[in-house]
């Protein structure tokens, strides 16, 4: 596995994020707005308007996540930020808050197709946690898929896999669903 480097996504990395997402993936209209805005709004602006909404977040100075690079090529994305930036999580019966502790949330992982199954998602999760720690986070939460199936639909796996997070030291905190636990890593 080649060594990656990472950058928080600011206006300087916006072009790189667009380049990564332009490689085509199943959710090209999402632009990581799914957990940020009401479902009705999300559906109405799916595609270009979600892209514009994410760009507006970045232009406001907020960092919605980090990019992984192999050389100069962006190959991965993790949407990691304070949980408060993902208000729709609290509307989910499965993913609503465990307690009032301030946490950071990983709500999306994306690796370009040609770089999948090479261990980069683990490295991306670790880099996201290191970034969160550098920003003062004490707890990182994840909401990965817990499945015994070896092949799953990509729309179920965009939050990562339980096994991967467990291997990285995340602990099951609450399981309100058989397939989508809330896991935490204390930094």
Foldseek 3Di string as FASTA:
>chain_A
DADKDKDFDAVVCLVLVVVQLVLDDPQSQQLVCCQQDDPVVSVVRRRPNNSVVVNVCRPVVDGQWMFIDDVNHTFKIWRKDWCVNRNNLCVDPFRRDPDDDTEIETAFIDGRPVPPPVCVSLVRVVVRVVVCVVVPGFKYKFWAFEDPDPDDDVVRGGRHHPVSVVVVPWAFDDGPDPTTTITMDGD
